[in-house]
Amino acid sequence: MTTLLLVGSEESLLEGVSQTLTAAGHVVVSAHSIAEGVEALRQRPALVAIVEHELLLSESAARLPLAPGGGILVFHVAEHGAIPLPPRIRRLTIAELELPLERHRLVSLVKHVEGRAQSVGRDDPDVRPGASSPEA
C-alpha cells in the first residue's frame, strides 16, 4: 500500500481521483494547498505527490514531503499557459497529466513508481539509501 499526496483546488476532481487511487489499493491524503499537504504528512512522506500545476509555482512546492525514490505527477485542470515550473520541481516531475481524462494513466504511473521504489529498496521510508544493514 503506497501513500500518495493529492493536492488541488477542485474538490470534485480531488474526490474522483482519490476514489480511483483508493480503489487501486493506495492510501490517498488529499489537500487544497501544499502547506496543508505537508502538515498532513508529517509522520510519513508520500511516494508520489500528485499536484495541480498552478500550485507548484509557489515557493512552498520545495517542501513537498516525498519518500526516497518518490516523484511528482503534475496535473492540469484548465489551460495553464506556458508558465514553466521551477527547476527543482521539473527534476522531480515524472509526468504531466490532464485530469480527469487521464486517470488510467495516473494509476499506471503510480504503479510504475511504486515498483521502481520496491526494486531498489526505497519502498521503506525508515531505510535511507547508503545506510548499513541492521544484519551486518
N, C-alpha and C. Protein backbone atom coordinates (compact mmCIF):
# COMPACT_ATOMS: atom_id res chain seq x y z
N MET A 1 0.84 -1.17 0.00
CA MET A 1 0.00 0.00 0.00
C MET A 1 0.90 1.24 0.00
N THR A 2 0.74 2.08 -0.99
CA THR A 2 1.56 3.26 -1.15
C THR A 2 0.79 4.50 -0.68
N THR A 3 1.48 5.38 0.03
CA THR A 3 0.89 6.64 0.44
C THR A 3 1.10 7.67 -0.66
N LEU A 4 0.01 8.30 -1.06
CA LEU A 4 0.04 9.31 -2.12
C LEU A 4 -0.50 10.63 -1.57
N LEU A 5 0.07 11.72 -2.03
CA LEU A 5 -0.43 13.05 -1.69
C LEU A 5 -1.10 13.63 -2.92
N LEU A 6 -2.34 14.04 -2.78
CA LEU A 6 -3.12 14.62 -3.88
C LEU A 6 -3.46 16.05 -3.50
N VAL A 7 -2.95 17.02 -4.26
CA VAL A 7 -3.14 18.43 -3.94
C VAL A 7 -3.75 19.16 -5.13
N GLY A 8 -4.89 19.80 -4.89
CA GLY A 8 -5.55 20.54 -5.95
C GLY A 8 -6.62 21.45 -5.41
N SER A 9 -7.17 22.27 -6.30
CA SER A 9 -8.14 23.27 -5.87
C SER A 9 -9.60 22.86 -6.11
N GLU A 10 -9.85 21.89 -6.98
CA GLU A 10 -11.22 21.49 -7.30
C GLU A 10 -11.64 20.28 -6.48
N GLU A 11 -12.55 20.48 -5.55
CA GLU A 11 -13.00 19.43 -4.64
C GLU A 11 -13.54 18.20 -5.37
N SER A 12 -14.38 18.40 -6.38
CA SER A 12 -14.97 17.26 -7.08
C SER A 12 -13.91 16.45 -7.83
N LEU A 13 -12.93 17.11 -8.41
CA LEU A 13 -11.85 16.41 -9.10
C LEU A 13 -11.01 15.61 -8.10
N LEU A 14 -10.67 16.23 -6.97
CA LEU A 14 -9.90 15.53 -5.95
C LEU A 14 -10.63 14.28 -5.47
N GLU A 15 -11.92 14.41 -5.26
CA GLU A 15 -12.71 13.27 -4.78
C GLU A 15 -12.71 12.13 -5.79
N GLY A 16 -12.92 12.43 -7.06
CA GLY A 16 -12.94 11.40 -8.09
C GLY A 16 -11.59 10.71 -8.26
N VAL A 17 -10.53 11.49 -8.27
CA VAL A 17 -9.18 10.92 -8.42
C VAL A 17 -8.83 10.11 -7.18
N SER A 18 -9.19 10.61 -6.01
CA SER A 18 -8.94 9.90 -4.77
C SER A 18 -9.64 8.54 -4.76
N GLN A 19 -10.88 8.50 -5.21
CA GLN A 19 -11.61 7.23 -5.29
C GLN A 19 -10.94 6.25 -6.25
N THR A 20 -10.47 6.75 -7.37
CA THR A 20 -9.78 5.90 -8.34
C THR A 20 -8.52 5.30 -7.74
N LEU A 21 -7.72 6.12 -7.07
CA LEU A 21 -6.47 5.65 -6.49
C LEU A 21 -6.70 4.73 -5.29
N THR A 22 -7.71 5.02 -4.49
CA THR A 22 -8.05 4.16 -3.35
C THR A 22 -8.51 2.80 -3.84
N ALA A 23 -9.29 2.77 -4.91
CA ALA A 23 -9.75 1.50 -5.49
C ALA A 23 -8.57 0.68 -6.01
N ALA A 24 -7.47 1.35 -6.37
CA ALA A 24 -6.27 0.66 -6.85
C ALA A 24 -5.39 0.20 -5.68
N GLY A 25 -5.84 0.45 -4.44
CA GLY A 25 -5.13 -0.05 -3.27
C GLY A 25 -4.16 0.91 -2.62
N HIS A 26 -4.28 2.20 -2.89
CA HIS A 26 -3.36 3.17 -2.33
C HIS A 26 -4.02 3.96 -1.20
N VAL A 27 -3.20 4.51 -0.32
CA VAL A 27 -3.67 5.42 0.72
C VAL A 27 -3.50 6.83 0.17
N VAL A 28 -4.59 7.58 0.09
CA VAL A 28 -4.55 8.91 -0.50
C VAL A 28 -4.82 9.96 0.56
N VAL A 29 -3.90 10.93 0.64
CA VAL A 29 -4.08 12.09 1.52
C VAL A 29 -4.35 13.27 0.60
N SER A 30 -5.55 13.86 0.73
CA SER A 30 -5.93 14.99 -0.12
C SER A 30 -5.73 16.30 0.63
N ALA A 31 -5.35 17.33 -0.13
CA ALA A 31 -5.15 18.66 0.44
C ALA A 31 -5.47 19.71 -0.62
N HIS A 32 -5.80 20.91 -0.17
CA HIS A 32 -6.10 22.01 -1.09
C HIS A 32 -4.91 22.93 -1.30
N SER A 33 -3.86 22.73 -0.51
CA SER A 33 -2.64 23.52 -0.68
C SER A 33 -1.44 22.64 -0.32
N ILE A 34 -0.28 23.04 -0.78
CA ILE A 34 0.92 22.28 -0.45
C ILE A 34 1.19 22.34 1.04
N ALA A 35 0.98 23.49 1.66
CA ALA A 35 1.19 23.63 3.10
C ALA A 35 0.29 22.66 3.87
N GLU A 36 -0.96 22.53 3.44
CA GLU A 36 -1.89 21.61 4.08
C GLU A 36 -1.41 20.16 3.90
N GLY A 37 -0.88 19.84 2.72
CA GLY A 37 -0.35 18.51 2.46
C GLY A 37 0.87 18.20 3.30
N VAL A 38 1.76 19.17 3.44
CA VAL A 38 2.96 19.00 4.27
C VAL A 38 2.54 18.70 5.70
N GLU A 39 1.57 19.43 6.20
CA GLU A 39 1.09 19.23 7.57
C GLU A 39 0.46 17.85 7.74
N ALA A 40 -0.30 17.41 6.77
CA ALA A 40 -0.98 16.12 6.86
C ALA A 40 -0.02 14.93 6.80
N LEU A 41 1.14 15.13 6.20
CA LEU A 41 2.09 14.03 6.03
C LEU A 41 3.34 14.17 6.91
N ARG A 42 3.19 14.73 8.08
CA ARG A 42 4.34 14.89 8.98
C ARG A 42 4.93 13.54 9.40
N GLN A 43 4.10 12.53 9.58
CA GLN A 43 4.56 11.25 10.09
C GLN A 43 5.19 10.35 9.03
N ARG A 44 4.69 10.40 7.80
CA ARG A 44 5.16 9.51 6.75
C ARG A 44 5.08 10.23 5.41
N PRO A 45 6.20 10.38 4.71
CA PRO A 45 6.16 11.07 3.42
C PRO A 45 5.46 10.24 2.35
N ALA A 46 4.99 10.91 1.33
CA ALA A 46 4.32 10.24 0.22
C ALA A 46 5.36 9.77 -0.80
N LEU A 47 5.09 8.64 -1.43
CA LEU A 47 5.97 8.18 -2.51
C LEU A 47 5.73 9.02 -3.75
N VAL A 48 4.47 9.37 -3.99
CA VAL A 48 4.12 10.18 -5.15
C VAL A 48 3.23 11.33 -4.69
N ALA A 49 3.57 12.53 -5.14
CA ALA A 49 2.72 13.70 -4.92
C ALA A 49 2.08 14.04 -6.27
N ILE A 50 0.77 14.09 -6.29
CA ILE A 50 0.01 14.42 -7.49
C ILE A 50 -0.53 15.83 -7.25
N VAL A 51 0.04 16.80 -7.97
CA VAL A 51 -0.20 18.19 -7.62
C VAL A 51 -0.64 19.00 -8.84
N GLU A 52 -1.61 19.86 -8.63
CA GLU A 52 -2.08 20.77 -9.67
C GLU A 52 -0.95 21.73 -10.07
N HIS A 53 -0.76 21.91 -11.36
CA HIS A 53 0.34 22.70 -11.91
C HIS A 53 0.48 24.06 -11.26
N GLU A 54 -0.60 24.78 -11.14
CA GLU A 54 -0.55 26.14 -10.63
C GLU A 54 -0.04 26.20 -9.19
N LEU A 55 -0.32 25.17 -8.40
CA LEU A 55 0.12 25.15 -7.01
C LEU A 55 1.62 24.90 -6.88
N LEU A 56 2.23 24.33 -7.90
CA LEU A 56 3.67 24.07 -7.89
C LEU A 56 4.50 25.31 -8.19
N LEU A 57 3.86 26.39 -8.55
CA LEU A 57 4.57 27.62 -8.86
C LEU A 57 4.95 28.41 -7.61
N SER A 58 4.43 27.99 -6.46
CA SER A 58 4.71 28.70 -5.22
C SER A 58 6.02 28.21 -4.60
N GLU A 59 6.56 29.01 -3.71
CA GLU A 59 7.80 28.65 -3.01
C GLU A 59 7.63 27.42 -2.14
N SER A 60 6.43 27.20 -1.62
CA SER A 60 6.21 26.07 -0.72
C SER A 60 6.30 24.73 -1.43
N ALA A 61 6.33 24.73 -2.76
CA ALA A 61 6.43 23.47 -3.50
C ALA A 61 7.72 22.73 -3.18
N ALA A 62 8.76 23.43 -2.81
CA ALA A 62 10.04 22.79 -2.47
C ALA A 62 9.93 21.98 -1.18
N ARG A 63 8.87 22.16 -0.42
CA ARG A 63 8.70 21.44 0.84
C ARG A 63 7.87 20.17 0.71
N LEU A 64 7.56 19.74 -0.49
CA LEU A 64 6.75 18.54 -0.67
C LEU A 64 7.38 17.35 0.04
N PRO A 65 6.61 16.64 0.87
CA PRO A 65 7.14 15.52 1.64
C PRO A 65 7.20 14.24 0.80
N LEU A 66 8.33 14.01 0.13
CA LEU A 66 8.48 12.84 -0.73
C LEU A 66 9.40 11.81 -0.09
N ALA A 67 9.01 10.54 -0.19
CA ALA A 67 9.85 9.44 0.27
C ALA A 67 11.01 9.26 -0.70
N PRO A 68 12.10 8.62 -0.27
CA PRO A 68 13.20 8.33 -1.19
C PRO A 68 12.70 7.55 -2.40
N GLY A 69 13.11 7.96 -3.57
CA GLY A 69 12.66 7.31 -4.80
C GLY A 69 11.33 7.84 -5.30
N GLY A 70 10.75 8.78 -4.59
CA GLY A 70 9.44 9.31 -4.96
C GLY A 70 9.53 10.37 -6.04
N GLY A 71 8.39 10.83 -6.48
CA GLY A 71 8.35 11.84 -7.53
C GLY A 71 7.03 12.57 -7.54
N ILE A 72 6.93 13.49 -8.47
CA ILE A 72 5.75 14.34 -8.60
C ILE A 72 5.07 14.05 -9.93
N LEU A 73 3.76 13.94 -9.88
CA LEU A 73 2.93 13.89 -11.09
C LEU A 73 2.16 15.20 -11.11
N VAL A 74 2.31 15.94 -12.17
CA VAL A 74 1.67 17.25 -12.31
C VAL A 74 0.39 17.08 -13.12
N PHE A 75 -0.69 17.71 -12.65
CA PHE A 75 -1.91 17.65 -13.45
C PHE A 75 -2.44 19.04 -13.73
N HIS A 76 -3.19 19.13 -14.82
CA HIS A 76 -3.80 20.37 -15.26
C HIS A 76 -5.31 20.17 -15.26
N VAL A 77 -6.02 21.18 -14.80
CA VAL A 77 -7.48 21.13 -14.85
C VAL A 77 -8.03 22.15 -15.84
N ALA A 78 -7.23 23.10 -16.21
CA ALA A 78 -7.63 24.11 -17.19
C ALA A 78 -6.38 24.49 -17.98
N GLU A 79 -6.58 25.26 -19.00
CA GLU A 79 -5.43 25.71 -19.79
C GLU A 79 -4.46 26.45 -18.87
N HIS A 80 -3.23 25.98 -18.81
CA HIS A 80 -2.28 26.54 -17.86
C HIS A 80 -1.31 27.53 -18.47
N GLY A 81 -1.38 27.74 -19.74
CA GLY A 81 -0.46 28.66 -20.38
C GLY A 81 0.93 28.07 -20.47
N ALA A 82 1.92 28.92 -20.56
CA ALA A 82 3.30 28.46 -20.74
C ALA A 82 4.16 28.77 -19.52
N ILE A 83 3.57 28.83 -18.35
CA ILE A 83 4.35 29.13 -17.16
C ILE A 83 5.17 27.90 -16.78
N PRO A 84 6.50 28.01 -16.86
CA PRO A 84 7.33 26.85 -16.53
C PRO A 84 7.41 26.62 -15.03
N LEU A 85 7.61 25.37 -14.65
CA LEU A 85 7.79 25.02 -13.25
C LEU A 85 9.21 25.35 -12.82
N PRO A 86 9.42 25.58 -11.53
CA PRO A 86 10.78 25.81 -11.04
C PRO A 86 11.68 24.59 -11.34
N PRO A 87 12.98 24.80 -11.55
CA PRO A 87 13.88 23.71 -11.92
C PRO A 87 13.86 22.51 -10.97
N ARG A 88 13.83 22.73 -9.65
CA ARG A 88 13.82 21.61 -8.71
C ARG A 88 12.57 20.76 -8.91
N ILE A 89 11.44 21.39 -9.14
CA ILE A 89 10.19 20.67 -9.34
C ILE A 89 10.22 19.92 -10.67
N ARG A 90 10.78 20.54 -11.71
CA ARG A 90 10.89 19.85 -13.02
C ARG A 90 11.72 18.58 -12.90
N ARG A 91 12.79 18.63 -12.11
CA ARG A 91 13.64 17.44 -11.94
C ARG A 91 12.90 16.31 -11.26
N LEU A 92 11.98 16.61 -10.37
CA LEU A 92 11.22 15.60 -9.65
C LEU A 92 9.96 15.15 -10.39
N THR A 93 9.61 15.88 -11.45
CA THR A 93 8.37 15.58 -12.17
C THR A 93 8.53 14.36 -13.06
N ILE A 94 7.65 13.41 -12.88
CA ILE A 94 7.66 12.18 -13.66
C ILE A 94 6.86 12.37 -14.94
N ALA A 95 5.71 13.02 -14.83
CA ALA A 95 4.85 13.23 -16.00
C ALA A 95 3.87 14.35 -15.71
N GLU A 96 3.28 14.88 -16.78
CA GLU A 96 2.20 15.85 -16.66
C GLU A 96 0.96 15.22 -17.25
N LEU A 97 -0.15 15.36 -16.55
CA LEU A 97 -1.41 14.72 -16.93
C LEU A 97 -2.52 15.73 -17.07
N GLU A 98 -3.51 15.36 -17.84
CA GLU A 98 -4.74 16.15 -17.95
C GLU A 98 -5.82 15.35 -17.21
N LEU A 99 -6.21 15.84 -16.05
CA LEU A 99 -7.22 15.12 -15.26
C LEU A 99 -8.57 15.82 -15.40
N PRO A 100 -9.64 15.08 -15.39
CA PRO A 100 -9.79 13.66 -15.07
C PRO A 100 -9.62 12.71 -16.26
N LEU A 101 -9.29 13.23 -17.43
CA LEU A 101 -9.22 12.39 -18.62
C LEU A 101 -8.19 11.27 -18.53
N GLU A 102 -7.08 11.50 -17.89
CA GLU A 102 -6.00 10.51 -17.88
C GLU A 102 -5.88 9.77 -16.54
N ARG A 103 -7.00 9.40 -15.96
CA ARG A 103 -6.99 8.69 -14.68
C ARG A 103 -6.29 7.34 -14.79
N HIS A 104 -6.53 6.61 -15.87
CA HIS A 104 -5.91 5.29 -16.03
C HIS A 104 -4.39 5.42 -16.16
N ARG A 105 -3.94 6.44 -16.86
CA ARG A 105 -2.51 6.69 -16.98
C ARG A 105 -1.93 7.04 -15.61
N LEU A 106 -2.66 7.80 -14.82
CA LEU A 106 -2.23 8.16 -13.48
C LEU A 106 -2.00 6.91 -12.64
N VAL A 107 -2.95 5.98 -12.64
CA VAL A 107 -2.81 4.74 -11.87
C VAL A 107 -1.60 3.95 -12.35
N SER A 108 -1.39 3.88 -13.66
CA SER A 108 -0.23 3.17 -14.20
C SER A 108 1.09 3.82 -13.78
N LEU A 109 1.15 5.13 -13.80
CA LEU A 109 2.37 5.83 -13.41
C LEU A 109 2.67 5.63 -11.92
N VAL A 110 1.65 5.67 -11.09
CA VAL A 110 1.85 5.44 -9.65
C VAL A 110 2.37 4.01 -9.44
N LYS A 111 1.79 3.07 -10.15
CA LYS A 111 2.23 1.67 -10.04
C LYS A 111 3.68 1.53 -10.48
N HIS A 112 4.07 2.24 -11.52
CA HIS A 112 5.45 2.21 -12.01
C HIS A 112 6.42 2.75 -10.96
N VAL A 113 6.09 3.89 -10.36
CA VAL A 113 6.95 4.48 -9.34
C VAL A 113 7.04 3.55 -8.12
N GLU A 114 5.93 2.97 -7.75
CA GLU A 114 5.89 2.04 -6.62
C GLU A 114 6.80 0.83 -6.90
N GLY A 115 6.71 0.27 -8.09
CA GLY A 115 7.55 -0.87 -8.47
C GLY A 115 9.02 -0.50 -8.50
N ARG A 116 9.31 0.68 -9.02
CA ARG A 116 10.69 1.16 -9.08
C ARG A 116 11.27 1.33 -7.68
N ALA A 117 10.49 1.89 -6.77
CA ALA A 117 10.95 2.09 -5.39
C ALA A 117 11.18 0.75 -4.70
N GLN A 118 10.32 -0.22 -4.94
CA GLN A 118 10.49 -1.55 -4.35
C GLN A 118 11.71 -2.25 -4.90
N SER A 119 11.96 -2.13 -6.19
CA SER A 119 13.07 -2.84 -6.80
C SER A 119 14.43 -2.31 -6.35
N VAL A 120 14.49 -1.05 -5.95
CA VAL A 120 15.77 -0.50 -5.48
C VAL A 120 15.80 -0.36 -3.96
N GLY A 121 14.79 -0.91 -3.29
CA GLY A 121 14.77 -0.90 -1.84
C GLY A 121 14.41 0.42 -1.22
N ARG A 122 13.70 1.25 -1.94
CA ARG A 122 13.32 2.56 -1.39
C ARG A 122 11.86 2.64 -1.01
N ASP A 123 11.20 1.49 -0.86
CA ASP A 123 9.79 1.50 -0.51
C ASP A 123 9.57 1.61 0.99
N ASP A 124 10.64 1.52 1.80
CA ASP A 124 10.54 1.66 3.24
C ASP A 124 11.11 3.01 3.64
N PRO A 125 10.27 3.96 4.09
CA PRO A 125 10.74 5.30 4.41
C PRO A 125 11.71 5.34 5.58
N ASP A 126 11.78 4.26 6.38
CA ASP A 126 12.69 4.22 7.51
C ASP A 126 14.10 3.81 7.10
N VAL A 127 14.26 3.31 5.88
CA VAL A 127 15.57 2.90 5.39
C VAL A 127 16.06 3.95 4.41
N ARG A 128 17.19 4.53 4.69
CA ARG A 128 17.76 5.56 3.83
C ARG A 128 18.82 4.94 2.92
N PRO A 129 18.89 5.35 1.67
CA PRO A 129 19.92 4.84 0.77
C PRO A 129 21.31 5.05 1.37
N GLY A 130 22.15 4.04 1.26
CA GLY A 130 23.51 4.13 1.76
C GLY A 130 23.66 3.77 3.22
N ALA A 131 22.55 3.55 3.92
CA ALA A 131 22.62 3.17 5.33
C ALA A 131 23.01 1.70 5.43
N SER A 132 23.76 1.35 6.46
CA SER A 132 24.18 -0.03 6.60
C SER A 132 23.02 -0.89 7.07
N SER A 133 23.06 -2.14 6.68
CA SER A 133 22.01 -3.09 7.02
C SER A 133 22.08 -3.44 8.50
N PRO A 134 20.92 -3.59 9.19
CA PRO A 134 20.94 -3.94 10.60
C PRO A 134 21.49 -5.35 10.82
N GLU A 135 21.53 -6.18 9.77
CA GLU A 135 22.03 -7.54 9.89
C GLU A 135 23.53 -7.60 9.82
N ALA A 136 24.19 -6.52 9.38
CA ALA A 136 25.63 -6.54 9.20
C ALA A 136 26.39 -6.46 10.50
